[in-house]
Amino acid sequence: MSLGVRYDDPDAGNRAGARAVSAVPPAARATTPGWRDPRLWVGLLIVAASVVAGSRLLAAADDTVAVWAVAADAGPGAALTEGDLVVHRVRFAESDDLAGYYRVDDTLPGELRLVRGVGAGELLPRGAVGAADQPTDTVELPVAVESDQVPPAVQAGSVVDVYLVGDPARGEAAAVEPGTPVLQEATVVDAPTSDGGFGGAAGQRQLVLAVPQDDAAAYFAAVAAFESPLLTVVRRG
């Protein structure tokens, strides 16, 4: 009977360790991307787009508009120059409201004067400015007109003609010759909407017009001739 004898291989451990070492993949070294690497250009485009978007957002944040205002109290007939005006930056809730005032980048008409008083610091309304040769006896005339007889675009600064006719249901004839306005080239000083609480009856708009005093007297005489006068406003320009 022979005895089994185990002989250990002294190199077996070394060979196993070598196999384990050779199984580990080599470490990848980070490399700096070259200028031809598309990732570099994509990153630059993202940065540039962010800068442009940020600039536009900052520019849009200031939505105020520079408009002219009167530096000191000025009454009807006062001549205006740029020296009498100051710049105010204003944010208008409605873009249409800006149309009634003079922007700083607008060209101011020369030789103008006020047709009504304007207080210090008040924005300069277009409706408060008239031509230099406009009569100094200008008055503010309130005119109540049915809403459907006033163009929606009529606002402060508009120039309008006012036509007066009688009530056809009562057989009333026209106050003046057909096609002739009872008020001509009148400047609208104020034009609140029918629901603005200005004092007009329901369904009416009350316009405040700057007209020569003689024209106002003729208007009242023409209106008084009718029991139910009908007014129609026509906007010029």
Protein backbone atom coordinates (compact mmCIF):
# COMPACT_ATOMS: atom_id res chain seq x y z
CA MET A 1 0.00 0.00 0.00
CA SER A 2 1.42 3.23 -1.07
CA LEU A 3 0.90 6.47 0.77
CA GLY A 4 -0.39 9.49 -1.31
CA VAL A 5 1.97 12.33 -0.95
CA ARG A 6 0.89 15.95 -1.96
CA TYR A 7 3.56 18.10 -3.36
CA ASP A 8 2.72 21.88 -3.47
CA ASP A 9 3.74 23.84 -6.55
CA PRO A 10 5.72 26.80 -5.29
CA ASP A 11 4.95 28.84 -8.47
CA ALA A 12 1.17 28.30 -8.44
CA GLY A 13 0.48 31.40 -6.34
CA ASN A 14 2.61 33.58 -8.54
CA ARG A 15 0.84 32.41 -11.66
CA ALA A 16 -2.61 33.09 -10.13
CA GLY A 17 -1.56 36.60 -9.08
CA ALA A 18 -0.24 37.34 -12.56
CA ARG A 19 -3.57 36.31 -14.10
CA ALA A 20 -5.48 38.55 -11.66
CA VAL A 21 -3.26 41.52 -12.48
CA SER A 22 -3.60 41.00 -16.21
CA ALA A 23 -7.44 40.91 -15.88
CA VAL A 24 -7.58 44.59 -14.60
CA PRO A 25 -8.10 47.00 -17.59
CA PRO A 26 -5.64 49.82 -17.92
CA ALA A 27 -6.79 53.21 -16.49
CA ALA A 28 -8.05 55.74 -19.05
CA ARG A 29 -6.36 59.11 -18.80
CA ALA A 30 -8.40 62.30 -19.27
CA THR A 31 -7.40 64.27 -22.31
CA THR A 32 -7.93 67.94 -23.01
CA PRO A 33 -10.45 68.39 -25.88
CA GLY A 34 -8.96 70.03 -28.92
CA TRP A 35 -10.44 72.96 -30.82
CA ARG A 36 -11.90 70.51 -33.32
CA ASP A 37 -13.89 68.73 -30.63
CA PRO A 38 -17.63 69.44 -31.33
CA ARG A 39 -18.36 69.42 -27.61
CA LEU A 40 -16.24 72.56 -27.22
CA TRP A 41 -18.24 74.43 -29.87
CA VAL A 42 -21.57 73.29 -28.44
CA GLY A 43 -20.53 74.63 -25.04
CA LEU A 44 -19.50 77.98 -26.52
CA LEU A 45 -22.83 78.28 -28.33
CA ILE A 46 -24.75 77.61 -25.12
CA VAL A 47 -22.79 80.31 -23.28
CA ALA A 48 -23.30 82.83 -26.08
CA ALA A 49 -27.04 82.10 -26.23
CA SER A 50 -27.33 82.60 -22.47
CA VAL A 51 -25.58 85.98 -22.66
CA VAL A 52 -27.85 87.20 -25.47
CA ALA A 53 -31.01 85.98 -23.70
CA GLY A 54 -29.95 87.66 -20.47
CA SER A 55 -29.29 90.97 -22.24
CA ARG A 56 -32.72 90.90 -23.86
CA LEU A 57 -34.44 90.17 -20.58
CA LEU A 58 -32.70 93.11 -18.91
CA ALA A 59 -33.65 95.42 -21.77
CA ALA A 60 -37.28 94.30 -21.64
CA ALA A 61 -37.46 94.84 -17.88
CA ASP A 62 -37.43 98.64 -18.38
CA ASP A 63 -40.66 99.23 -20.29
CA THR A 64 -40.96 102.91 -19.35
CA VAL A 65 -41.21 105.58 -22.03
CA ALA A 66 -39.58 109.03 -21.98
CA VAL A 67 -42.22 111.72 -22.51
CA TRP A 68 -42.29 115.51 -22.22
CA ALA A 69 -43.79 117.18 -19.15
CA VAL A 70 -44.25 120.86 -18.32
CA ALA A 71 -41.62 122.25 -15.94
CA ALA A 72 -43.84 124.98 -14.44
CA ASP A 73 -47.49 126.02 -14.41
CA ALA A 74 -48.56 127.47 -17.75
CA GLY A 75 -51.92 128.92 -18.69
CA PRO A 76 -53.86 129.16 -21.96
CA GLY A 77 -52.00 131.13 -24.61
CA ALA A 78 -48.55 130.44 -23.12
CA ALA A 79 -45.87 129.74 -25.76
CA LEU A 80 -43.88 126.54 -25.28
CA THR A 81 -40.29 125.70 -26.13
CA GLU A 82 -38.11 122.73 -25.15
CA GLY A 83 -36.70 124.91 -22.37
CA ASP A 84 -40.14 124.86 -20.73
CA LEU A 85 -40.26 121.07 -20.74
CA VAL A 86 -38.69 118.30 -18.68
CA VAL A 87 -38.34 114.58 -19.32
CA HIS A 88 -40.36 112.07 -17.33
CA ARG A 89 -40.15 108.31 -17.71
CA VAL A 90 -43.61 106.78 -17.46
CA ARG A 91 -44.97 103.24 -17.69
CA PHE A 92 -48.33 103.24 -19.50
CA ALA A 93 -50.78 100.48 -18.68
CA GLU A 94 -52.24 100.68 -22.19
CA SER A 95 -50.14 101.41 -25.26
CA ASP A 96 -52.97 103.53 -26.71
CA ASP A 97 -52.63 105.97 -23.79
CA LEU A 98 -49.20 107.01 -25.04
CA ALA A 99 -50.71 108.42 -28.24
CA GLY A 100 -52.15 111.36 -26.29
CA TYR A 101 -48.72 112.65 -25.20
CA TYR A 102 -45.44 113.78 -26.77
CA ARG A 103 -42.57 111.32 -26.60
CA VAL A 104 -39.08 112.75 -26.18
CA ASP A 105 -38.04 111.30 -29.55
CA ASP A 106 -41.02 112.95 -31.27
CA THR A 107 -40.37 116.11 -33.27
CA LEU A 108 -42.21 118.91 -31.50
CA PRO A 109 -44.05 121.27 -33.85
CA GLY A 110 -42.57 124.75 -33.81
CA GLU A 111 -44.23 127.89 -32.48
CA LEU A 112 -46.90 126.22 -30.41
CA ARG A 113 -48.80 127.44 -27.40
CA LEU A 114 -51.23 126.05 -24.89
CA VAL A 115 -54.96 126.14 -25.50
CA ARG A 116 -55.61 125.19 -21.88
CA GLY A 117 -53.74 125.37 -18.60
CA VAL A 118 -51.20 122.68 -17.68
CA GLY A 119 -49.76 122.24 -14.17
CA ALA A 120 -46.11 121.88 -13.20
CA GLY A 121 -44.89 118.32 -13.67
CA GLU A 122 -47.95 117.36 -15.74
CA LEU A 123 -47.32 115.34 -18.87
CA LEU A 124 -47.81 117.50 -21.96
CA PRO A 125 -51.05 116.35 -23.65
CA ARG A 126 -51.35 116.76 -27.38
CA GLY A 127 -54.84 118.09 -26.81
CA ALA A 128 -53.47 121.00 -24.74
CA VAL A 129 -51.27 122.32 -27.55
CA GLY A 130 -52.55 124.40 -30.44
CA ALA A 131 -51.10 126.36 -33.31
CA ALA A 132 -49.45 129.70 -32.61
CA ASP A 133 -52.09 131.51 -34.64
CA GLN A 134 -54.97 129.89 -32.74
CA PRO A 135 -57.20 132.50 -31.07
CA THR A 136 -56.36 133.20 -27.43
CA ASP A 137 -60.04 133.14 -26.40
CA THR A 138 -60.15 129.34 -26.54
CA VAL A 139 -62.55 127.66 -24.14
CA GLU A 140 -63.18 124.06 -23.12
CA LEU A 141 -66.57 122.91 -24.35
CA PRO A 142 -68.19 119.72 -22.95
CA VAL A 143 -70.20 117.86 -25.57
CA ALA A 144 -72.34 114.82 -24.71
CA VAL A 145 -72.65 112.47 -27.68
CA GLU A 146 -74.28 109.08 -28.08
CA SER A 147 -71.57 106.43 -27.96
CA ASP A 148 -72.45 105.03 -31.39
CA GLN A 149 -71.98 108.53 -32.87
CA VAL A 150 -68.32 108.78 -31.79
CA PRO A 151 -65.51 106.85 -33.52
CA PRO A 152 -63.79 104.53 -31.01
CA ALA A 153 -60.40 106.01 -32.00
CA VAL A 154 -61.34 109.48 -30.71
CA GLN A 155 -59.15 110.35 -27.73
CA ALA A 156 -57.31 113.29 -26.20
CA GLY A 157 -55.38 115.01 -28.96
CA SER A 158 -57.74 114.00 -31.77
CA VAL A 159 -59.06 116.69 -34.11
CA VAL A 160 -62.76 116.34 -34.85
CA ASP A 161 -65.72 117.93 -36.59
CA VAL A 162 -69.13 117.93 -34.91
CA TYR A 163 -72.31 117.72 -36.96
CA LEU A 164 -75.72 118.65 -35.53
CA VAL A 165 -79.06 117.43 -36.84
CA GLY A 166 -82.54 117.33 -35.39
CA ASP A 167 -84.45 114.31 -34.25
CA PRO A 168 -85.99 112.78 -37.41
CA ALA A 169 -88.77 111.24 -35.31
CA ARG A 170 -89.88 114.75 -34.35
CA GLY A 171 -89.57 116.14 -37.86
CA GLU A 172 -86.76 118.50 -36.88
CA ALA A 173 -84.61 119.81 -39.72
CA ALA A 174 -80.84 120.18 -39.73
CA ALA A 175 -79.45 123.14 -37.80
CA VAL A 176 -77.05 124.13 -40.55
CA GLU A 177 -76.71 123.40 -44.22
CA PRO A 178 -76.29 119.67 -44.91
CA GLY A 179 -72.64 118.66 -44.87
CA THR A 180 -71.57 121.66 -42.76
CA PRO A 181 -70.25 120.92 -39.24
CA VAL A 182 -71.45 123.04 -36.35
CA LEU A 183 -67.95 122.73 -34.86
CA GLN A 184 -64.96 122.37 -37.16
CA GLU A 185 -61.39 121.23 -36.43
CA ALA A 186 -61.95 121.12 -32.68
CA THR A 187 -59.17 119.60 -30.54
CA VAL A 188 -60.24 116.93 -28.06
CA VAL A 189 -58.94 117.81 -24.59
CA ASP A 190 -60.46 114.81 -22.82
CA ALA A 191 -62.43 111.80 -24.03
CA PRO A 192 -63.37 109.42 -21.21
CA THR A 193 -65.20 106.24 -22.09
CA SER A 194 -68.94 105.92 -21.50
CA ASP A 195 -68.32 103.95 -18.27
CA GLY A 196 -65.62 106.31 -16.98
CA GLY A 197 -67.97 108.13 -14.61
CA PHE A 198 -67.32 111.49 -16.29
CA GLY A 199 -70.89 112.54 -15.82
CA GLY A 200 -72.51 111.59 -19.12
CA ALA A 201 -75.74 109.67 -19.24
CA ALA A 202 -75.78 105.95 -19.89
CA GLY A 203 -74.84 105.19 -23.47
CA GLN A 204 -73.16 108.55 -23.97
CA ARG A 205 -69.60 109.79 -24.18
CA GLN A 206 -68.77 113.28 -23.03
CA LEU A 207 -66.00 114.91 -25.02
CA VAL A 208 -64.21 118.05 -23.88
CA LEU A 209 -63.29 120.16 -26.91
CA ALA A 210 -60.99 123.18 -27.14
CA VAL A 211 -62.78 125.68 -29.40
CA PRO A 212 -62.76 129.46 -29.90
CA GLN A 213 -65.24 131.22 -27.65
CA ASP A 214 -67.30 132.49 -30.60
CA ASP A 215 -67.64 128.93 -31.94
CA ALA A 216 -68.85 127.76 -28.54
CA ALA A 217 -71.53 130.46 -28.49
CA ALA A 218 -72.68 129.49 -31.99
CA TYR A 219 -72.79 125.84 -30.94
CA PHE A 220 -75.06 126.55 -27.96
CA ALA A 221 -77.37 128.65 -30.13
CA ALA A 222 -77.67 125.86 -32.68
CA VAL A 223 -78.32 123.17 -30.06
CA ALA A 224 -80.96 125.30 -28.33
CA ALA A 225 -83.01 125.37 -31.54
CA PHE A 226 -83.89 121.68 -31.19
CA GLU A 227 -85.80 119.76 -28.59
CA SER A 228 -83.83 116.57 -29.24
CA PRO A 229 -80.60 117.43 -31.08
CA LEU A 230 -78.51 114.61 -32.48
CA LEU A 231 -74.75 115.08 -32.58
CA THR A 232 -72.29 113.13 -34.70
CA VAL A 233 -68.53 113.36 -34.28
CA VAL A 234 -66.17 112.82 -37.22
CA ARG A 235 -62.49 112.30 -36.55
CA ARG A 236 -60.00 114.01 -38.85
CA GLY A 237 -56.84 112.24 -39.97
